[in-house]
Amino acid sequence: MTSTNRRVRVTADEWLPLTDALDLIGITRATWYRWRNRGYGPEVKRLPNGHLRVRRSVLEAFMEELEIA
């Protein structure tokens, strides 16, 4: 009898949905779009379905900049 252990693969540099990124930063979607219009905020990628994703490493670097400022 064999048992298969499935491991959830979590990468350190995963793509986060925009809603998760906003929760981590602690801002609203309105603030996000205001920052985006001013050219401020972490770099995002738009998927073919229109959803936005933020790479975790980019988000963490951005949050470090917020702490310094």
N, C-alpha and C. Protein backbone atom coordinates (compact mmCIF):
# COMPACT_ATOMS: atom_id res chain seq x y z
N MET A 1 0.84 -1.17 0.00
CA MET A 1 0.00 0.00 0.00
C MET A 1 0.89 1.24 0.00
N THR A 2 0.72 2.07 -0.97
CA THR A 2 1.53 3.27 -1.06
C THR A 2 0.69 4.48 -0.69
N SER A 3 1.31 5.35 0.00
CA SER A 3 0.63 6.60 0.33
C SER A 3 1.37 7.73 -0.36
N THR A 4 0.61 8.61 -0.91
CA THR A 4 1.22 9.74 -1.59
C THR A 4 1.05 10.97 -0.72
N ASN A 5 2.14 11.57 -0.43
CA ASN A 5 2.12 12.81 0.34
C ASN A 5 2.22 13.97 -0.63
N ARG A 6 1.21 14.77 -0.64
CA ARG A 6 1.24 15.93 -1.52
C ARG A 6 1.70 17.14 -0.73
N ARG A 7 2.66 17.80 -1.28
CA ARG A 7 3.17 19.01 -0.64
C ARG A 7 2.68 20.22 -1.41
N VAL A 8 2.28 21.20 -0.68
CA VAL A 8 1.90 22.46 -1.30
C VAL A 8 3.19 23.21 -1.58
N ARG A 9 3.38 23.56 -2.80
CA ARG A 9 4.62 24.23 -3.19
C ARG A 9 4.44 25.74 -3.04
N VAL A 10 5.16 26.30 -2.11
CA VAL A 10 5.10 27.74 -1.87
C VAL A 10 6.45 28.32 -2.24
N THR A 11 6.42 29.22 -3.17
CA THR A 11 7.66 29.86 -3.57
C THR A 11 7.77 31.20 -2.85
N ALA A 12 8.98 31.58 -2.60
CA ALA A 12 9.21 32.84 -1.89
C ALA A 12 8.83 34.04 -2.75
N ASP A 13 8.81 33.85 -4.05
CA ASP A 13 8.53 34.97 -4.95
C ASP A 13 7.25 34.72 -5.75
N GLU A 14 6.19 34.40 -5.04
CA GLU A 14 4.93 34.10 -5.70
C GLU A 14 4.23 35.38 -6.16
N TRP A 15 3.26 35.23 -7.05
CA TRP A 15 2.44 36.33 -7.51
C TRP A 15 1.21 36.43 -6.63
N LEU A 16 1.00 37.59 -6.02
CA LEU A 16 -0.14 37.81 -5.14
C LEU A 16 -1.25 38.56 -5.87
N PRO A 17 -2.50 38.20 -5.62
CA PRO A 17 -3.60 39.01 -6.16
C PRO A 17 -3.55 40.41 -5.56
N LEU A 18 -4.05 41.37 -6.28
CA LEU A 18 -4.01 42.76 -5.81
C LEU A 18 -4.69 42.91 -4.46
N THR A 19 -5.80 42.23 -4.24
CA THR A 19 -6.50 42.36 -2.96
C THR A 19 -5.63 41.92 -1.79
N ASP A 20 -4.85 40.86 -1.97
CA ASP A 20 -3.95 40.40 -0.91
C ASP A 20 -2.84 41.41 -0.67
N ALA A 21 -2.32 41.98 -1.76
CA ALA A 21 -1.26 42.99 -1.63
C ALA A 21 -1.78 44.22 -0.89
N LEU A 22 -3.00 44.65 -1.21
CA LEU A 22 -3.58 45.82 -0.54
C LEU A 22 -3.78 45.56 0.94
N ASP A 23 -4.18 44.34 1.28
CA ASP A 23 -4.35 43.98 2.70
C ASP A 23 -3.01 44.03 3.43
N LEU A 24 -1.96 43.55 2.79
CA LEU A 24 -0.64 43.56 3.42
C LEU A 24 -0.11 44.98 3.62
N ILE A 25 -0.36 45.84 2.63
CA ILE A 25 0.08 47.23 2.74
C ILE A 25 -0.80 47.99 3.73
N GLY A 26 -2.07 47.64 3.74
CA GLY A 26 -3.02 48.31 4.64
C GLY A 26 -3.65 49.54 4.02
N ILE A 27 -3.93 49.47 2.72
CA ILE A 27 -4.56 50.59 2.03
C ILE A 27 -5.81 50.10 1.30
N THR A 28 -6.65 51.05 0.91
CA THR A 28 -7.86 50.72 0.16
C THR A 28 -7.55 50.69 -1.33
N ARG A 29 -8.50 50.16 -2.08
CA ARG A 29 -8.35 50.11 -3.53
C ARG A 29 -8.31 51.53 -4.11
N ALA A 30 -9.08 52.46 -3.53
CA ALA A 30 -9.07 53.85 -4.00
C ALA A 30 -7.70 54.47 -3.82
N THR A 31 -7.07 54.22 -2.68
CA THR A 31 -5.72 54.73 -2.45
C THR A 31 -4.75 54.12 -3.44
N TRP A 32 -4.92 52.83 -3.71
CA TRP A 32 -4.05 52.15 -4.67
C TRP A 32 -4.10 52.84 -6.03
N TYR A 33 -5.30 53.11 -6.53
CA TYR A 33 -5.43 53.74 -7.85
C TYR A 33 -4.93 55.18 -7.83
N ARG A 34 -5.07 55.87 -6.72
CA ARG A 34 -4.53 57.22 -6.61
C ARG A 34 -3.01 57.17 -6.70
N TRP A 35 -2.40 56.24 -5.96
CA TRP A 35 -0.94 56.07 -6.02
C TRP A 35 -0.51 55.68 -7.42
N ARG A 36 -1.25 54.79 -8.04
CA ARG A 36 -0.89 54.31 -9.38
C ARG A 36 -0.91 55.45 -10.40
N ASN A 37 -1.90 56.34 -10.28
CA ASN A 37 -1.98 57.48 -11.18
C ASN A 37 -0.81 58.44 -11.00
N ARG A 38 -0.24 58.46 -9.80
CA ARG A 38 0.91 59.32 -9.51
C ARG A 38 2.24 58.61 -9.78
N GLY A 39 2.19 57.36 -10.21
CA GLY A 39 3.41 56.62 -10.50
C GLY A 39 4.08 56.05 -9.26
N TYR A 40 3.30 55.87 -8.21
CA TYR A 40 3.83 55.39 -6.93
C TYR A 40 3.27 53.99 -6.67
N GLY A 41 4.04 53.17 -6.03
CA GLY A 41 3.57 51.84 -5.67
C GLY A 41 4.39 50.76 -6.33
N PRO A 42 4.19 49.52 -5.90
CA PRO A 42 4.96 48.41 -6.46
C PRO A 42 4.52 48.12 -7.90
N GLU A 43 5.43 47.53 -8.64
CA GLU A 43 5.14 47.16 -10.02
C GLU A 43 4.13 46.02 -10.04
N VAL A 44 3.18 46.09 -10.96
CA VAL A 44 2.15 45.06 -11.07
C VAL A 44 2.17 44.45 -12.47
N LYS A 45 1.57 43.29 -12.58
CA LYS A 45 1.43 42.63 -13.88
C LYS A 45 -0.05 42.39 -14.11
N ARG A 46 -0.52 42.74 -15.30
CA ARG A 46 -1.92 42.52 -15.65
C ARG A 46 -2.00 41.19 -16.41
N LEU A 47 -2.86 40.32 -15.93
CA LEU A 47 -3.07 39.03 -16.56
C LEU A 47 -4.01 39.18 -17.75
N PRO A 48 -4.05 38.18 -18.64
CA PRO A 48 -4.96 38.27 -19.79
C PRO A 48 -6.43 38.45 -19.41
N ASN A 49 -6.82 38.00 -18.22
CA ASN A 49 -8.21 38.17 -17.80
C ASN A 49 -8.46 39.53 -17.15
N GLY A 50 -7.42 40.38 -17.07
CA GLY A 50 -7.57 41.73 -16.53
C GLY A 50 -7.21 41.86 -15.07
N HIS A 51 -7.00 40.75 -14.37
CA HIS A 51 -6.65 40.81 -12.95
C HIS A 51 -5.21 41.27 -12.79
N LEU A 52 -4.93 41.93 -11.67
CA LEU A 52 -3.60 42.43 -11.39
C LEU A 52 -2.92 41.55 -10.36
N ARG A 53 -1.61 41.33 -10.55
CA ARG A 53 -0.82 40.53 -9.63
C ARG A 53 0.44 41.31 -9.26
N VAL A 54 0.89 41.12 -8.02
CA VAL A 54 2.09 41.77 -7.52
C VAL A 54 3.03 40.67 -7.04
N ARG A 55 4.28 40.74 -7.47
CA ARG A 55 5.26 39.76 -7.02
C ARG A 55 5.61 40.05 -5.56
N ARG A 56 5.66 39.00 -4.74
CA ARG A 56 5.88 39.16 -3.30
C ARG A 56 7.19 39.90 -3.00
N SER A 57 8.25 39.61 -3.73
CA SER A 57 9.54 40.27 -3.47
C SER A 57 9.46 41.77 -3.76
N VAL A 58 8.74 42.14 -4.80
CA VAL A 58 8.56 43.55 -5.15
C VAL A 58 7.73 44.25 -4.08
N LEU A 59 6.69 43.57 -3.60
CA LEU A 59 5.84 44.14 -2.56
C LEU A 59 6.63 44.35 -1.27
N GLU A 60 7.44 43.37 -0.89
CA GLU A 60 8.23 43.50 0.33
C GLU A 60 9.25 44.63 0.23
N ALA A 61 9.87 44.79 -0.94
CA ALA A 61 10.82 45.89 -1.14
C ALA A 61 10.09 47.23 -1.04
N PHE A 62 8.89 47.31 -1.61
CA PHE A 62 8.11 48.54 -1.54
C PHE A 62 7.73 48.86 -0.09
N MET A 63 7.34 47.84 0.67
CA MET A 63 6.96 48.06 2.05
C MET A 63 8.16 48.50 2.89
N GLU A 64 9.35 48.03 2.57
CA GLU A 64 10.56 48.49 3.26
C GLU A 64 10.80 49.96 2.98
N GLU A 65 10.53 50.39 1.73
CA GLU A 65 10.67 51.81 1.38
C GLU A 65 9.68 52.65 2.18
N LEU A 66 8.48 52.12 2.39
CA LEU A 66 7.48 52.85 3.17
C LEU A 66 7.95 53.04 4.61
N GLU A 67 8.59 52.02 5.18
CA GLU A 67 9.07 52.10 6.55
C GLU A 67 10.19 53.13 6.69
N ILE A 68 11.04 53.23 5.69
CA ILE A 68 12.17 54.16 5.72
C ILE A 68 11.67 55.60 5.61
N ALA A 69 10.66 55.81 4.75
CA ALA A 69 10.17 57.17 4.51
C ALA A 69 9.42 57.74 5.65
